[in-house]
Amino acid sequence: MQDEAMLIQLGYAPNEALVKQLKEIQENTSGYEKIQKHIMDLNDHLKVNNGYVALSNSKNYFKIKIEAVTPELAEEAHEKVQHFSEKFKIKVEKLPKKETYYILGYHH
């Protein structure tokens, strides 16, 4: 998937700075080529829970943000992230006291 197409799918209007940020995230995400499709699929699956995948502004990682309006939707979103992590062997890090995860990358 081309970088600009990926940014559009994630809800961004591509520009030079975002493409550069995306490339840095891709380089920092272990096994990125193996998990790129799964990241985009997760983004689609989380939409019903008011969740999404985005570029982190503080670290060179994709982040998963959950903004569910009910505890049930939030719990379901967290379960989807857990399933994504276990099924595709993708390491995620939940930020303390936040509804946010970093996608660290593929782990064997």
Protein backbone atom coordinates (compact mmCIF):
# COMPACT_ATOMS: atom_id res chain seq x y z
CA MET A 1 0.00 0.00 0.00
CA GLN A 2 1.35 3.40 -0.93
CA ASP A 3 2.05 5.77 1.94
CA GLU A 4 -0.43 8.42 0.77
CA ALA A 5 -3.21 5.83 0.32
CA MET A 6 -2.53 4.52 3.82
CA LEU A 7 -2.71 8.03 5.29
CA ILE A 8 -6.02 8.65 3.52
CA GLN A 9 -7.41 5.35 4.82
CA LEU A 10 -6.41 6.43 8.34
CA GLY A 11 -8.28 9.72 7.88
CA TYR A 12 -5.38 12.08 7.16
CA ALA A 13 -4.92 14.56 4.33
CA PRO A 14 -1.46 13.53 3.09
CA ASN A 15 1.32 16.08 3.05
CA GLU A 16 5.12 15.91 3.09
CA ALA A 17 5.40 16.02 6.89
CA LEU A 18 2.86 13.21 7.38
CA VAL A 19 4.52 11.00 4.75
CA LYS A 20 7.87 11.56 6.51
CA GLN A 21 6.30 10.75 9.90
CA LEU A 22 4.68 7.61 8.46
CA LYS A 23 8.03 6.44 7.03
CA GLU A 24 9.71 6.94 10.44
CA ILE A 25 6.94 4.93 12.12
CA GLN A 26 7.24 2.18 9.50
CA GLU A 27 11.02 1.96 10.06
CA ASN A 28 10.53 1.88 13.85
CA THR A 29 7.83 -0.83 13.77
CA SER A 30 9.45 -4.27 13.76
CA GLY A 31 8.16 -6.55 11.01
CA TYR A 32 6.08 -3.73 9.55
CA GLU A 33 5.69 -5.41 6.13
CA LYS A 34 4.13 -8.47 7.79
CA ILE A 35 1.59 -6.52 9.85
CA GLN A 36 0.65 -3.52 7.69
CA LYS A 37 -2.57 -5.14 6.41
CA HIS A 38 -3.56 -6.22 9.93
CA ILE A 39 -3.12 -2.66 11.22
CA MET A 40 -5.48 -1.36 8.53
CA ASP A 41 -7.99 -4.16 9.23
CA LEU A 42 -7.91 -3.32 12.94
CA ASN A 43 -8.64 0.32 12.11
CA ASP A 44 -11.76 -0.78 10.21
CA HIS A 45 -12.89 -3.16 12.99
CA LEU A 46 -12.55 -0.48 15.68
CA LYS A 47 -14.71 2.13 13.93
CA VAL A 48 -17.92 0.71 15.43
CA ASN A 49 -16.35 1.19 18.89
CA ASN A 50 -15.26 4.79 18.20
CA GLY A 51 -11.71 3.53 18.02
CA TYR A 52 -9.07 4.06 15.38
CA VAL A 53 -5.42 3.72 14.47
CA ALA A 54 -3.44 6.95 14.17
CA LEU A 55 0.12 8.24 13.95
CA SER A 56 1.52 9.02 17.38
CA ASN A 57 2.84 12.56 17.78
CA SER A 58 5.05 11.69 20.73
CA LYS A 59 6.71 8.41 19.63
CA ASN A 60 7.48 6.80 16.29
CA TYR A 61 4.68 4.26 16.54
CA PHE A 62 1.15 3.78 15.34
CA LYS A 63 -1.24 4.31 18.20
CA ILE A 64 -4.63 2.78 18.82
CA LYS A 65 -7.05 5.22 20.37
CA ILE A 66 -10.34 4.09 21.90
CA GLU A 67 -12.96 6.79 22.40
CA ALA A 68 -15.96 4.56 23.05
CA VAL A 69 -19.08 6.24 24.40
CA THR A 70 -20.10 3.34 26.66
CA PRO A 71 -18.14 0.97 28.90
CA GLU A 72 -19.45 -1.96 26.85
CA LEU A 73 -18.12 -0.54 23.59
CA ALA A 74 -14.81 0.26 25.29
CA GLU A 75 -14.49 -3.27 26.64
CA GLU A 76 -15.27 -4.72 23.22
CA ALA A 77 -12.62 -2.46 21.65
CA HIS A 78 -10.00 -3.59 24.18
CA GLU A 79 -10.90 -7.21 23.41
CA LYS A 80 -10.42 -6.52 19.68
CA VAL A 81 -6.97 -5.05 20.37
CA GLN A 82 -6.07 -8.08 22.51
CA HIS A 83 -7.28 -10.46 19.80
CA PHE A 84 -5.32 -8.52 17.14
CA SER A 85 -2.19 -8.73 19.30
CA GLU A 86 -2.48 -12.46 20.03
CA LYS A 87 -3.67 -13.65 16.60
CA PHE A 88 -1.04 -11.82 14.55
CA LYS A 89 1.79 -11.85 17.14
CA ILE A 90 1.86 -8.07 17.34
CA LYS A 91 3.26 -6.44 20.43
CA VAL A 92 1.16 -3.59 21.79
CA GLU A 93 1.78 -1.41 24.82
CA LYS A 94 -1.17 0.07 26.73
CA LEU A 95 -0.51 3.49 28.16
CA PRO A 96 -1.28 3.71 31.87
CA LYS A 97 -4.61 5.38 32.69
CA LYS A 98 -5.36 6.02 29.01
CA GLU A 99 -7.50 4.35 26.37
CA THR A 100 -4.46 4.25 24.10
CA TYR A 101 -2.00 1.62 22.91
CA TYR A 102 1.18 1.79 20.88
CA ILE A 103 1.72 -0.81 18.16
CA LEU A 104 5.35 -1.82 18.72
CA GLY A 105 5.55 -4.39 15.96
CA TYR A 106 5.69 -8.03 15.06
CA HIS A 107 7.20 -10.40 17.60
CA HIS A 108 7.98 -14.07 17.01
